[in-house]
Protein backbone atom coordinates (compact mmCIF):
# COMPACT_ATOMS: atom_id res chain seq x y z
CA MET A 1 98.39 -24.42 -45.82
CA ASN A 2 96.02 -26.78 -43.98
CA ALA A 3 92.85 -28.46 -45.30
CA VAL A 4 90.59 -25.85 -43.66
CA LEU A 5 92.28 -23.11 -45.64
CA ASN A 6 92.64 -24.95 -48.97
CA ARG A 7 89.49 -23.28 -50.27
CA PRO A 8 88.29 -19.84 -49.24
CA ALA A 9 84.99 -19.54 -47.38
CA PRO A 10 82.07 -18.75 -49.66
CA ALA A 11 80.74 -15.22 -49.82
CA SER A 12 78.36 -14.70 -46.90
CA GLU A 13 75.49 -13.55 -49.14
CA SER A 14 75.69 -16.81 -51.13
CA LEU A 15 74.86 -18.78 -47.98
CA ILE A 16 71.64 -17.05 -47.01
CA GLU A 17 69.20 -18.65 -49.45
CA PRO A 18 70.29 -22.28 -49.07
CA PHE A 19 70.51 -22.04 -45.29
CA GLU A 20 67.14 -20.28 -45.02
CA ALA A 21 65.65 -23.25 -46.87
CA GLN A 22 67.52 -25.74 -44.70
CA CYS A 23 66.42 -24.03 -41.48
CA ALA A 24 62.81 -23.94 -42.72
CA LEU A 25 62.89 -27.69 -43.37
CA HIS A 26 64.60 -28.79 -40.15
CA THR A 27 63.61 -28.72 -36.54
CA ASP A 28 65.41 -30.44 -33.70
CA CYS A 29 64.66 -32.72 -30.78
CA HIS A 30 64.63 -29.87 -28.26
CA ASP A 31 62.11 -27.87 -30.28
CA VAL A 32 59.80 -30.87 -30.59
CA HIS A 33 60.20 -31.80 -26.93
CA ASP A 34 59.53 -28.22 -25.79
CA ALA A 35 56.45 -27.91 -28.03
CA PHE A 36 54.85 -30.91 -26.34
CA ALA A 37 56.11 -30.00 -22.85
CA ALA A 38 54.43 -26.60 -23.10
CA GLY A 39 51.05 -28.34 -23.07
CA GLY A 40 48.18 -27.60 -25.36
CA GLU A 41 48.22 -28.06 -29.10
CA PRO A 42 51.78 -28.13 -30.48
CA GLY A 43 50.70 -27.03 -33.96
CA PHE A 44 51.98 -30.12 -35.77
CA VAL A 45 51.53 -33.88 -36.07
CA LEU A 46 54.62 -35.93 -35.25
CA LEU A 47 55.17 -38.97 -37.49
CA HIS A 48 57.45 -41.94 -36.78
CA VAL A 49 58.15 -42.88 -40.39
CA MET A 50 60.30 -46.02 -40.23
CA GLY A 51 60.37 -49.53 -38.92
CA THR A 52 57.66 -51.94 -37.97
CA PRO A 53 54.85 -51.88 -35.42
CA GLU A 54 57.14 -53.91 -33.16
CA THR A 55 60.02 -51.43 -33.32
CA PHE A 56 57.57 -48.57 -32.76
CA ALA A 57 56.14 -50.36 -29.72
CA ARG A 58 59.65 -50.92 -28.35
CA ARG A 59 60.33 -47.17 -28.22
CA HIS A 60 59.26 -44.01 -29.96
CA VAL A 61 59.08 -40.29 -29.33
CA PRO A 62 56.05 -39.52 -27.14
CA ASN A 63 53.00 -38.29 -29.06
CA ALA A 64 54.27 -39.77 -32.34
CA ILE A 65 52.00 -41.57 -34.76
CA PHE A 66 53.38 -44.65 -36.50
CA LEU A 67 53.16 -44.04 -40.24
CA PRO A 68 56.03 -45.51 -42.27
CA HIS A 69 56.97 -43.38 -45.27
CA ARG A 70 55.83 -46.06 -47.72
CA PHE A 71 52.25 -45.65 -46.41
CA ILE A 72 52.13 -41.87 -46.90
CA THR A 73 49.47 -41.60 -49.59
CA ALA A 74 46.84 -39.03 -50.48
CA GLU A 75 44.16 -41.35 -49.09
CA ARG A 76 45.94 -41.80 -45.74
CA MET A 77 46.80 -38.12 -45.37
CA ALA A 78 43.15 -37.17 -45.99
CA ASP A 79 42.66 -37.91 -42.28
CA TRP A 80 44.18 -34.45 -41.58
CA PRO A 81 43.30 -30.99 -42.90
CA ALA A 82 45.38 -29.89 -45.91
CA ASP A 83 47.26 -27.25 -43.91
CA THR A 84 48.41 -29.65 -41.16
CA LEU A 85 52.14 -29.39 -40.50
CA PHE A 86 53.84 -32.77 -40.20
CA VAL A 87 57.13 -33.30 -38.39
CA VAL A 88 58.80 -36.55 -39.40
CA TYR A 89 61.64 -38.50 -37.85
CA CYS A 90 63.46 -41.78 -38.34
CA SER A 91 66.12 -43.60 -36.38
CA GLY A 92 68.95 -41.17 -37.03
CA PRO A 93 71.60 -40.00 -39.46
CA HIS A 94 72.15 -43.51 -40.84
CA CYS A 95 68.50 -43.77 -41.93
CA ASN A 96 66.79 -42.03 -44.85
CA ALA A 97 63.18 -42.73 -43.96
CA ALA A 98 62.65 -39.13 -42.82
CA GLU A 99 63.94 -37.80 -46.15
CA GLN A 100 61.65 -40.21 -47.99
CA ALA A 101 58.71 -39.05 -45.87
CA VAL A 102 59.56 -35.39 -46.57
CA LEU A 103 59.57 -36.15 -50.28
CA ALA A 104 56.27 -38.06 -50.13
CA LEU A 105 54.54 -35.31 -48.16
CA ALA A 106 55.97 -32.56 -50.38
CA ARG A 107 54.70 -34.38 -53.47
CA LEU A 108 51.24 -34.34 -51.87
CA GLY A 109 51.54 -30.59 -51.26
CA ARG A 110 51.64 -31.07 -47.48
CA PRO A 111 53.64 -28.85 -45.10
CA VAL A 112 56.49 -30.83 -43.57
CA LYS A 113 59.56 -30.48 -41.37
CA MET A 114 62.15 -33.06 -40.43
CA MET A 115 63.32 -33.59 -36.84
CA LEU A 116 67.10 -33.79 -37.01
CA GLY A 117 68.75 -36.64 -35.13
CA GLY A 118 65.68 -38.86 -35.02
CA ILE A 119 65.55 -41.49 -32.29
CA MET A 120 69.32 -41.29 -31.77
CA GLY A 121 69.13 -37.53 -31.25
CA TRP A 122 66.20 -37.91 -28.86
CA GLU A 123 68.16 -40.46 -26.84
CA PHE A 124 71.32 -38.32 -26.90
CA GLU A 125 69.36 -35.40 -25.43
CA GLY A 126 68.19 -37.66 -22.59
CA PHE A 127 64.49 -37.35 -23.35
CA GLU A 128 62.05 -40.06 -22.31
CA PHE A 129 60.63 -42.53 -24.82
CA ALA A 130 57.10 -43.85 -25.05
CA HIS A 131 56.46 -47.59 -25.32
CA GLY A 132 53.60 -49.60 -26.73
CA ALA A 133 51.28 -49.12 -29.67
């Protein structure tokens, strides 16, 4: 028997709830890109939640606002209506700034999604970056 078959697959019905939650939390680079490319209001605020002003200026996802996760506070988030959806991203799978931002926003009762792949995913897809403040 090989490693794939060592354990049986879980019952299909046991997967629905956890994967519904995971799919509700995550979005991907294509979805974010397409939302902005469509023009008009995308329906969310995109937050670049890691690094320094210098790394943000070097390259970031277009339309992103620089707001490191450690600065996500009730006072700072008061700049947006309570029902504003935030999409957060970090540099990629080796970074946990997006997870920390999700946690901070959730603790404030704010709607939030995480863009999978972060900067590395954006680059992998071949999308353009913005530069400057």
